[in-house]
């Protein structure tokens, strides 16, 4: 079993009032080696950042993740969708985090920020925030990721 995290892109147009657009899709960043605590010093087992895991096969779209869950455990996850199960969690966590950040961030009119929110998923499919990165890397590592970036870049109409 390999560790992974979920990268969610978030566009903030204003902190006062808070104006947030969460991109409709996300993607997984997967570690290049099986998880094993006895190898705590091996970053390929524990860190999913692309700067460490430079293999384009170690990313998965949120749609492929849902398909994986449904194929591997159909009796448990047959009705799970990204939109119904994960989007509400992302929405709550992102907005709560940004409301807290707004207290210490200077709101500049006519400017915006793109964030990369990183989550882990527990055995009950609950999301837990790892970190929020300003100006996240948006590398075109796979064809579908390039398409996601193009779609995201087309405008905030592609955000939910």
N, C-alpha and C. Protein backbone atom coordinates (compact mmCIF):
# COMPACT_ATOMS: atom_id res chain seq x y z
N UNK A 1 0.84 -1.17 0.00
CA UNK A 1 0.00 0.00 0.00
C UNK A 1 0.89 1.24 0.00
N UNK A 2 0.53 2.21 -0.80
CA UNK A 2 1.31 3.45 -0.91
C UNK A 2 0.56 4.63 -0.33
N UNK A 3 1.32 5.53 0.27
CA UNK A 3 0.75 6.78 0.75
C UNK A 3 0.45 7.68 -0.45
N UNK A 4 -0.50 8.55 -0.27
CA UNK A 4 -0.82 9.55 -1.29
C UNK A 4 -1.45 10.75 -0.61
N UNK A 5 -1.49 11.85 -1.33
CA UNK A 5 -2.27 12.99 -0.88
C UNK A 5 -3.11 13.48 -2.04
N UNK A 6 -4.04 14.35 -1.72
CA UNK A 6 -4.95 14.93 -2.71
C UNK A 6 -4.61 16.40 -2.84
N UNK A 7 -4.37 16.85 -4.07
CA UNK A 7 -4.12 18.28 -4.34
C UNK A 7 -5.39 18.88 -4.92
N UNK A 8 -5.86 19.94 -4.26
CA UNK A 8 -7.06 20.65 -4.69
C UNK A 8 -6.68 22.10 -4.98
N UNK A 9 -7.01 22.58 -6.17
CA UNK A 9 -6.72 23.97 -6.52
C UNK A 9 -7.86 24.86 -6.05
N UNK A 10 -7.47 26.00 -5.47
CA UNK A 10 -8.43 26.95 -4.92
C UNK A 10 -8.03 28.36 -5.36
N UNK A 11 -8.97 29.07 -5.92
CA UNK A 11 -8.77 30.44 -6.39
C UNK A 11 -9.44 31.38 -5.40
N UNK A 12 -8.67 32.32 -4.86
CA UNK A 12 -9.23 33.30 -3.93
C UNK A 12 -9.17 34.66 -4.62
N UNK A 13 -10.33 35.23 -4.84
CA UNK A 13 -10.43 36.53 -5.49
C UNK A 13 -10.42 37.66 -4.48
N UNK A 14 -10.86 37.36 -3.26
CA UNK A 14 -10.91 38.38 -2.21
C UNK A 14 -10.94 37.70 -0.85
N UNK A 15 -10.29 38.34 0.14
CA UNK A 15 -10.37 37.86 1.51
C UNK A 15 -11.38 38.68 2.31
N UNK A 16 -11.76 39.87 1.81
CA UNK A 16 -12.71 40.71 2.51
C UNK A 16 -13.59 41.46 1.52
N UNK A 17 -14.78 40.93 1.20
CA UNK A 17 -15.35 39.71 1.74
C UNK A 17 -14.68 38.48 1.10
N UNK A 18 -14.78 37.35 1.78
CA UNK A 18 -14.17 36.13 1.26
C UNK A 18 -14.89 35.68 -0.01
N UNK A 19 -14.12 35.57 -1.09
CA UNK A 19 -14.65 35.12 -2.38
C UNK A 19 -13.75 34.01 -2.88
N UNK A 20 -14.25 32.77 -2.80
CA UNK A 20 -13.46 31.58 -3.05
C UNK A 20 -14.10 30.76 -4.16
N UNK A 21 -13.25 30.22 -5.04
CA UNK A 21 -13.70 29.30 -6.07
C UNK A 21 -12.83 28.05 -5.97
N UNK A 22 -13.47 26.92 -5.79
CA UNK A 22 -12.76 25.65 -5.66
C UNK A 22 -12.91 24.91 -6.98
N UNK A 23 -11.78 24.53 -7.56
CA UNK A 23 -11.83 23.83 -8.85
C UNK A 23 -12.61 22.53 -8.70
N UNK A 24 -13.37 22.17 -9.70
CA UNK A 24 -14.31 21.04 -9.63
C UNK A 24 -13.64 19.67 -9.54
N UNK A 25 -12.38 19.57 -9.87
CA UNK A 25 -11.66 18.30 -9.83
C UNK A 25 -10.43 18.44 -8.94
N UNK A 26 -9.84 17.31 -8.59
CA UNK A 26 -8.60 17.28 -7.83
C UNK A 26 -7.75 16.16 -8.39
N UNK A 27 -6.55 16.00 -7.85
CA UNK A 27 -5.74 14.85 -8.27
C UNK A 27 -4.92 14.33 -7.10
N UNK A 28 -4.53 13.08 -7.21
CA UNK A 28 -3.75 12.43 -6.18
C UNK A 28 -2.29 12.41 -6.58
N UNK A 29 -1.42 12.60 -5.59
CA UNK A 29 0.02 12.47 -5.77
C UNK A 29 0.44 11.27 -4.93
N UNK A 30 1.03 10.29 -5.58
CA UNK A 30 1.26 8.98 -4.97
C UNK A 30 2.75 8.76 -4.73
N UNK A 31 3.06 8.18 -3.58
CA UNK A 31 4.45 7.85 -3.27
C UNK A 31 4.94 6.72 -4.19
N UNK A 32 6.23 6.72 -4.47
CA UNK A 32 6.81 5.79 -5.42
C UNK A 32 7.17 4.43 -4.85
N UNK A 33 7.02 4.24 -3.54
CA UNK A 33 7.33 2.95 -2.91
C UNK A 33 6.27 2.67 -1.85
N UNK A 34 6.08 1.39 -1.55
CA UNK A 34 5.10 1.00 -0.54
C UNK A 34 5.45 1.59 0.82
N UNK A 35 4.40 1.96 1.54
CA UNK A 35 4.56 2.51 2.89
C UNK A 35 5.16 1.46 3.81
N UNK A 36 6.14 1.86 4.60
CA UNK A 36 6.80 0.97 5.54
C UNK A 36 7.51 1.82 6.59
N UNK A 37 7.03 1.78 7.81
CA UNK A 37 7.62 2.59 8.87
C UNK A 37 9.05 2.20 9.21
N UNK A 38 9.44 0.97 8.90
CA UNK A 38 10.82 0.59 9.18
C UNK A 38 11.81 1.27 8.24
N UNK A 39 11.29 1.89 7.19
CA UNK A 39 12.12 2.67 6.26
C UNK A 39 11.73 4.15 6.36
N UNK A 40 11.74 4.65 7.57
CA UNK A 40 11.30 6.03 7.82
C UNK A 40 12.14 7.07 7.10
N UNK A 41 13.36 6.72 6.71
CA UNK A 41 14.26 7.69 6.09
C UNK A 41 14.17 7.70 4.57
N UNK A 42 13.28 6.91 4.00
CA UNK A 42 13.14 6.82 2.54
C UNK A 42 12.03 7.75 2.06
N UNK A 43 12.37 8.89 1.46
CA UNK A 43 11.34 9.84 1.04
C UNK A 43 10.39 9.29 -0.02
N UNK A 44 10.80 8.28 -0.78
CA UNK A 44 9.90 7.70 -1.79
C UNK A 44 8.72 6.97 -1.15
N UNK A 45 8.84 6.63 0.12
CA UNK A 45 7.77 5.94 0.84
C UNK A 45 6.85 6.90 1.59
N UNK A 46 7.32 8.12 1.84
CA UNK A 46 6.60 8.99 2.76
C UNK A 46 6.20 10.35 2.20
N UNK A 47 6.87 10.83 1.18
CA UNK A 47 6.59 12.17 0.65
C UNK A 47 6.08 12.06 -0.79
N UNK A 48 4.91 12.63 -1.02
CA UNK A 48 4.30 12.50 -2.34
C UNK A 48 4.54 13.72 -3.25
N UNK A 49 5.27 14.70 -2.78
CA UNK A 49 5.54 15.90 -3.59
C UNK A 49 6.20 15.52 -4.92
N UNK A 50 5.83 16.22 -5.96
CA UNK A 50 6.40 15.93 -7.27
C UNK A 50 7.89 16.23 -7.32
N UNK A 51 8.35 17.14 -6.49
CA UNK A 51 9.79 17.44 -6.47
C UNK A 51 10.60 16.21 -6.03
N UNK A 52 9.95 15.27 -5.34
CA UNK A 52 10.61 14.03 -4.93
C UNK A 52 10.18 12.87 -5.83
N UNK A 53 8.91 12.78 -6.11
CA UNK A 53 8.35 11.70 -6.93
C UNK A 53 8.23 12.19 -8.37
N UNK A 54 9.28 12.14 -9.11
CA UNK A 54 9.31 12.74 -10.46
C UNK A 54 8.81 11.79 -11.55
N UNK A 55 7.93 10.87 -11.19
CA UNK A 55 7.39 9.90 -12.13
C UNK A 55 5.96 10.31 -12.48
N UNK A 56 5.70 10.57 -13.74
CA UNK A 56 4.37 11.03 -14.14
C UNK A 56 3.30 9.98 -13.93
N UNK A 57 3.67 8.73 -13.69
CA UNK A 57 2.69 7.68 -13.42
C UNK A 57 2.23 7.71 -11.96
N UNK A 58 2.82 8.56 -11.16
CA UNK A 58 2.48 8.63 -9.74
C UNK A 58 1.48 9.75 -9.44
N UNK A 59 0.63 10.04 -10.40
CA UNK A 59 -0.49 10.95 -10.20
C UNK A 59 -1.75 10.25 -10.70
N UNK A 60 -2.87 10.61 -10.11
CA UNK A 60 -4.15 9.98 -10.47
C UNK A 60 -5.23 11.05 -10.35
N UNK A 61 -6.12 11.10 -11.30
CA UNK A 61 -7.22 12.07 -11.24
C UNK A 61 -8.23 11.66 -10.18
N UNK A 62 -9.01 12.61 -9.72
CA UNK A 62 -10.05 12.30 -8.73
C UNK A 62 -11.07 11.33 -9.32
N UNK A 63 -11.35 11.44 -10.61
CA UNK A 63 -12.27 10.50 -11.26
C UNK A 63 -11.70 9.08 -11.25
N UNK A 64 -10.39 8.95 -11.54
CA UNK A 64 -9.76 7.62 -11.51
C UNK A 64 -9.72 7.06 -10.09
N UNK A 65 -9.55 7.92 -9.11
CA UNK A 65 -9.55 7.48 -7.72
C UNK A 65 -10.91 6.89 -7.35
N UNK A 66 -11.98 7.57 -7.73
CA UNK A 66 -13.33 7.07 -7.45
C UNK A 66 -13.54 5.73 -8.16
N UNK A 67 -13.11 5.63 -9.41
CA UNK A 67 -13.24 4.36 -10.14
C UNK A 67 -12.46 3.25 -9.44
N UNK A 68 -11.26 3.58 -8.96
CA UNK A 68 -10.44 2.60 -8.24
C UNK A 68 -11.18 2.09 -7.00
N UNK A 69 -11.74 3.01 -6.22
CA UNK A 69 -12.49 2.61 -5.02
C UNK A 69 -13.67 1.72 -5.38
N UNK A 70 -14.40 2.11 -6.40
CA UNK A 70 -15.59 1.36 -6.79
C UNK A 70 -15.25 -0.01 -7.36
N UNK A 71 -14.13 -0.12 -8.07
CA UNK A 71 -13.72 -1.42 -8.62
C UNK A 71 -13.15 -2.34 -7.55
N UNK A 72 -12.38 -1.79 -6.63
CA UNK A 72 -11.71 -2.62 -5.61
C UNK A 72 -12.66 -3.03 -4.49
N UNK A 73 -13.57 -2.13 -4.10
CA UNK A 73 -14.51 -2.40 -3.01
C UNK A 73 -15.92 -1.98 -3.42
N UNK A 74 -16.51 -2.66 -4.42
CA UNK A 74 -17.81 -2.22 -4.95
C UNK A 74 -18.93 -2.23 -3.90
N UNK A 75 -18.89 -3.18 -2.99
CA UNK A 75 -19.95 -3.26 -1.98
C UNK A 75 -19.93 -2.07 -1.02
N UNK A 76 -18.78 -1.48 -0.84
CA UNK A 76 -18.63 -0.38 0.11
C UNK A 76 -18.72 1.00 -0.55
N UNK A 77 -18.21 1.14 -1.78
CA UNK A 77 -18.08 2.47 -2.38
C UNK A 77 -18.84 2.65 -3.69
N UNK A 78 -19.78 1.78 -3.98
CA UNK A 78 -20.47 1.85 -5.28
C UNK A 78 -21.22 3.17 -5.48
N UNK A 79 -21.65 3.81 -4.41
CA UNK A 79 -22.41 5.05 -4.56
C UNK A 79 -21.58 6.30 -4.30
N UNK A 80 -20.30 6.13 -3.98
CA UNK A 80 -19.44 7.29 -3.69
C UNK A 80 -19.08 8.00 -4.99
N UNK A 81 -19.23 9.30 -4.99
CA UNK A 81 -18.75 10.13 -6.10
C UNK A 81 -17.88 11.24 -5.52
N UNK A 82 -17.05 11.82 -6.36
CA UNK A 82 -16.22 12.93 -5.91
C UNK A 82 -17.12 14.08 -5.45
N UNK A 83 -18.13 14.37 -6.27
CA UNK A 83 -19.00 15.51 -6.01
C UNK A 83 -19.82 15.33 -4.73
N UNK A 84 -20.34 14.14 -4.49
CA UNK A 84 -21.21 13.95 -3.32
C UNK A 84 -20.45 13.72 -2.02
N UNK A 85 -19.30 13.09 -2.10
CA UNK A 85 -18.60 12.72 -0.87
C UNK A 85 -17.44 13.67 -0.51
N UNK A 86 -16.63 14.03 -1.49
CA UNK A 86 -15.41 14.79 -1.19
C UNK A 86 -15.60 16.30 -1.33
N UNK A 87 -16.36 16.75 -2.30
CA UNK A 87 -16.52 18.19 -2.51
C UNK A 87 -17.07 18.90 -1.27
N UNK A 88 -18.10 18.35 -0.59
CA UNK A 88 -18.56 19.05 0.63
C UNK A 88 -17.48 19.15 1.70
N UNK A 89 -16.66 18.13 1.84
CA UNK A 89 -15.57 18.19 2.82
C UNK A 89 -14.55 19.24 2.42
N UNK A 90 -14.15 19.24 1.14
CA UNK A 90 -13.19 20.23 0.65
C UNK A 90 -13.74 21.63 0.87
N UNK A 91 -14.98 21.84 0.51
CA UNK A 91 -15.60 23.15 0.64
C UNK A 91 -15.55 23.64 2.08
N UNK A 92 -15.93 22.79 3.01
CA UNK A 92 -15.93 23.18 4.44
C UNK A 92 -14.53 23.50 4.93
N UNK A 93 -13.58 22.60 4.66
CA UNK A 93 -12.21 22.77 5.17
C UNK A 93 -11.54 24.00 4.55
N UNK A 94 -11.68 24.16 3.23
CA UNK A 94 -11.06 25.29 2.54
C UNK A 94 -11.60 26.61 3.07
N UNK A 95 -12.91 26.73 3.16
CA UNK A 95 -13.49 28.00 3.60
C UNK A 95 -13.17 28.30 5.06
N UNK A 96 -13.17 27.28 5.91
CA UNK A 96 -12.81 27.49 7.32
C UNK A 96 -11.35 27.94 7.43
N UNK A 97 -10.49 27.32 6.66
CA UNK A 97 -9.06 27.68 6.67
C UNK A 97 -8.86 29.10 6.17
N UNK A 98 -9.50 29.45 5.07
CA UNK A 98 -9.33 30.79 4.50
C UNK A 98 -9.91 31.87 5.40
N UNK A 99 -11.01 31.57 6.09
CA UNK A 99 -11.56 32.55 7.05
C UNK A 99 -10.54 32.83 8.15
N UNK A 100 -9.85 31.80 8.61
CA UNK A 100 -8.81 31.99 9.63
C UNK A 100 -7.63 32.78 9.06
N UNK A 101 -7.25 32.47 7.83
CA UNK A 101 -6.13 33.16 7.20
C UNK A 101 -6.45 34.63 6.94
N UNK A 102 -7.71 34.93 6.67
CA UNK A 102 -8.11 36.29 6.30
C UNK A 102 -7.77 37.30 7.38
N UNK A 103 -7.71 36.84 8.61
CA UNK A 103 -7.38 37.74 9.72
C UNK A 103 -5.96 38.28 9.64
N UNK A 104 -5.07 37.55 8.96
CA UNK A 104 -3.67 37.97 8.92
C UNK A 104 -3.17 38.27 7.50
N UNK A 105 -4.04 38.22 6.51
CA UNK A 105 -3.63 38.50 5.13
C UNK A 105 -4.21 39.83 4.69
N UNK A 106 -3.37 40.65 4.13
CA UNK A 106 -3.81 41.94 3.61
C UNK A 106 -4.65 41.71 2.36
N UNK A 107 -5.86 42.21 2.38
CA UNK A 107 -6.74 42.09 1.22
C UNK A 107 -6.38 43.16 0.21
N UNK A 108 -6.00 42.75 -0.97
CA UNK A 108 -5.64 43.70 -2.03
C UNK A 108 -6.68 43.60 -3.14
N UNK A 109 -7.34 44.70 -3.41
CA UNK A 109 -8.36 44.72 -4.46
C UNK A 109 -7.70 44.52 -5.82
N UNK A 110 -8.44 43.91 -6.73
CA UNK A 110 -7.98 43.65 -8.10
C UNK A 110 -6.78 42.72 -8.15
N UNK A 111 -6.69 41.82 -7.19
CA UNK A 111 -5.65 40.79 -7.23
C UNK A 111 -6.26 39.47 -6.76
N UNK A 112 -5.54 38.39 -6.96
CA UNK A 112 -6.04 37.08 -6.58
C UNK A 112 -4.86 36.20 -6.17
N UNK A 113 -5.19 35.03 -5.64
CA UNK A 113 -4.17 34.05 -5.30
C UNK A 113 -4.71 32.67 -5.64
N UNK A 114 -3.83 31.85 -6.19
CA UNK A 114 -4.14 30.45 -6.43
C UNK A 114 -3.46 29.65 -5.33
N UNK A 115 -4.21 28.79 -4.67
CA UNK A 115 -3.68 27.94 -3.61
C UNK A 115 -3.75 26.48 -4.04
N UNK A 116 -2.85 25.69 -3.53
CA UNK A 116 -2.93 24.24 -3.63
C UNK A 116 -3.16 23.70 -2.24
N UNK A 117 -4.36 23.22 -1.98
CA UNK A 117 -4.68 22.61 -0.69
C UNK A 117 -4.37 21.12 -0.79
N UNK A 118 -3.62 20.62 0.18
CA UNK A 118 -3.22 19.20 0.19
C UNK A 118 -3.91 18.49 1.35
N UNK A 119 -4.52 17.35 1.02
CA UNK A 119 -5.27 16.57 2.00
C UNK A 119 -4.77 15.13 2.02
N UNK A 120 -4.94 14.47 3.16
CA UNK A 120 -4.83 13.02 3.24
C UNK A 120 -6.25 12.49 3.42
N UNK A 121 -6.43 11.22 3.08
CA UNK A 121 -7.72 10.57 3.18
C UNK A 121 -7.58 9.41 4.16
N UNK A 122 -8.46 9.36 5.16
CA UNK A 122 -8.37 8.25 6.10
C UNK A 122 -9.21 7.07 5.63
N UNK A 123 -9.24 6.00 6.41
CA UNK A 123 -9.91 4.76 6.01
C UNK A 123 -11.42 4.94 5.85
N UNK A 124 -11.98 5.98 6.45
CA UNK A 124 -13.40 6.27 6.32
C UNK A 124 -13.69 7.30 5.23
N UNK A 125 -12.67 7.59 4.40
CA UNK A 125 -12.75 8.58 3.32
C UNK A 125 -12.99 9.99 3.84
N UNK A 126 -12.49 10.26 5.02
CA UNK A 126 -12.55 11.61 5.57
C UNK A 126 -11.28 12.33 5.18
N UNK A 127 -11.41 13.56 4.72
CA UNK A 127 -10.26 14.38 4.34
C UNK A 127 -9.70 15.11 5.55
N UNK A 128 -8.36 15.19 5.59
CA UNK A 128 -7.65 15.93 6.62
C UNK A 128 -6.65 16.85 5.92
N UNK A 129 -6.70 18.13 6.27
CA UNK A 129 -5.81 19.11 5.66
C UNK A 129 -4.37 18.90 6.13
N UNK A 130 -3.45 18.82 5.17
CA UNK A 130 -2.02 18.78 5.48
C UNK A 130 -1.48 20.20 5.47
N UNK A 131 -1.71 20.89 4.35
CA UNK A 131 -1.19 22.25 4.21
C UNK A 131 -1.89 22.95 3.05
N UNK A 132 -1.74 24.27 3.01
CA UNK A 132 -2.22 25.08 1.90
C UNK A 132 -1.02 25.85 1.37
N UNK A 133 -0.75 25.68 0.08
CA UNK A 133 0.41 26.31 -0.56
C UNK A 133 -0.03 27.47 -1.45
N UNK A 134 0.60 28.61 -1.28
CA UNK A 134 0.36 29.73 -2.19
C UNK A 134 1.14 29.48 -3.47
N UNK A 135 0.57 29.86 -4.59
CA UNK A 135 1.20 29.72 -5.91
C UNK A 135 1.75 28.30 -6.11
N UNK A 136 0.87 27.30 -6.09
CA UNK A 136 1.34 25.92 -6.21
C UNK A 136 1.88 25.61 -7.59
N UNK A 137 2.76 24.63 -7.64
CA UNK A 137 3.28 24.18 -8.94
C UNK A 137 2.12 23.61 -9.75
N UNK A 138 2.09 23.97 -11.00
CA UNK A 138 1.04 23.49 -11.89
C UNK A 138 1.68 22.85 -13.12
N UNK A 139 2.54 21.88 -12.86
CA UNK A 139 3.25 21.22 -13.95
C UNK A 139 2.35 20.32 -14.77
N UNK A 140 2.63 20.27 -16.06
CA UNK A 140 1.86 19.46 -16.99
C UNK A 140 2.52 18.08 -17.11
N UNK A 141 2.29 17.23 -16.11
CA UNK A 141 2.98 15.95 -16.04
C UNK A 141 2.31 14.84 -16.84
N UNK A 142 1.02 14.94 -17.06
CA UNK A 142 0.29 13.95 -17.84
C UNK A 142 -0.68 14.68 -18.76
N UNK A 143 -1.20 13.98 -19.75
CA UNK A 143 -2.15 14.60 -20.68
C UNK A 143 -3.40 15.07 -19.95
N UNK A 144 -3.96 14.23 -19.06
CA UNK A 144 -5.18 14.64 -18.36
C UNK A 144 -4.91 15.78 -17.39
N UNK A 145 -3.71 15.84 -16.81
CA UNK A 145 -3.38 16.96 -15.93
C UNK A 145 -3.22 18.24 -16.73
N UNK A 146 -2.65 18.14 -17.92
CA UNK A 146 -2.57 19.30 -18.81
C UNK A 146 -3.96 19.80 -19.16
N UNK A 147 -4.87 18.87 -19.43
CA UNK A 147 -6.26 19.26 -19.73
C UNK A 147 -6.92 19.92 -18.53
N UNK A 148 -6.65 19.40 -17.32
CA UNK A 148 -7.20 20.03 -16.11
C UNK A 148 -6.67 21.45 -15.97
N UNK A 149 -5.37 21.63 -16.19
CA UNK A 149 -4.77 22.96 -16.08
C UNK A 149 -5.37 23.92 -17.10
N UNK A 150 -5.53 23.44 -18.33
CA UNK A 150 -6.14 24.27 -19.37
C UNK A 150 -7.56 24.66 -18.99
N UNK A 151 -8.31 23.68 -18.48
CA UNK A 151 -9.69 23.92 -18.07
C UNK A 151 -9.73 24.93 -16.94
N UNK A 152 -8.86 24.75 -15.95
CA UNK A 152 -8.81 25.67 -14.82
C UNK A 152 -8.43 27.06 -15.30
N UNK A 153 -7.50 27.14 -16.22
CA UNK A 153 -7.03 28.42 -16.71
C UNK A 153 -8.05 29.17 -17.55
N UNK A 154 -9.06 28.46 -18.04
CA UNK A 154 -10.10 29.10 -18.85
C UNK A 154 -10.94 30.09 -18.06
N UNK A 155 -10.92 30.00 -16.76
CA UNK A 155 -11.63 30.98 -15.97
C UNK A 155 -12.33 30.40 -14.76
N UNK A 156 -12.84 31.27 -13.95
CA UNK A 156 -13.49 30.84 -12.72
C UNK A 156 -14.82 30.15 -12.98
N UNK A 157 -15.31 30.15 -14.19
CA UNK A 157 -16.54 29.42 -14.49
C UNK A 157 -16.33 27.93 -14.35
N UNK A 158 -15.08 27.47 -14.32
CA UNK A 158 -14.80 26.05 -14.15
C UNK A 158 -14.61 25.67 -12.69
N UNK A 159 -14.86 26.60 -11.80
CA UNK A 159 -14.77 26.31 -10.38
C UNK A 159 -16.18 26.10 -9.85
N UNK A 160 -16.30 25.39 -8.73
CA UNK A 160 -17.63 25.13 -8.17
C UNK A 160 -17.95 26.11 -7.07
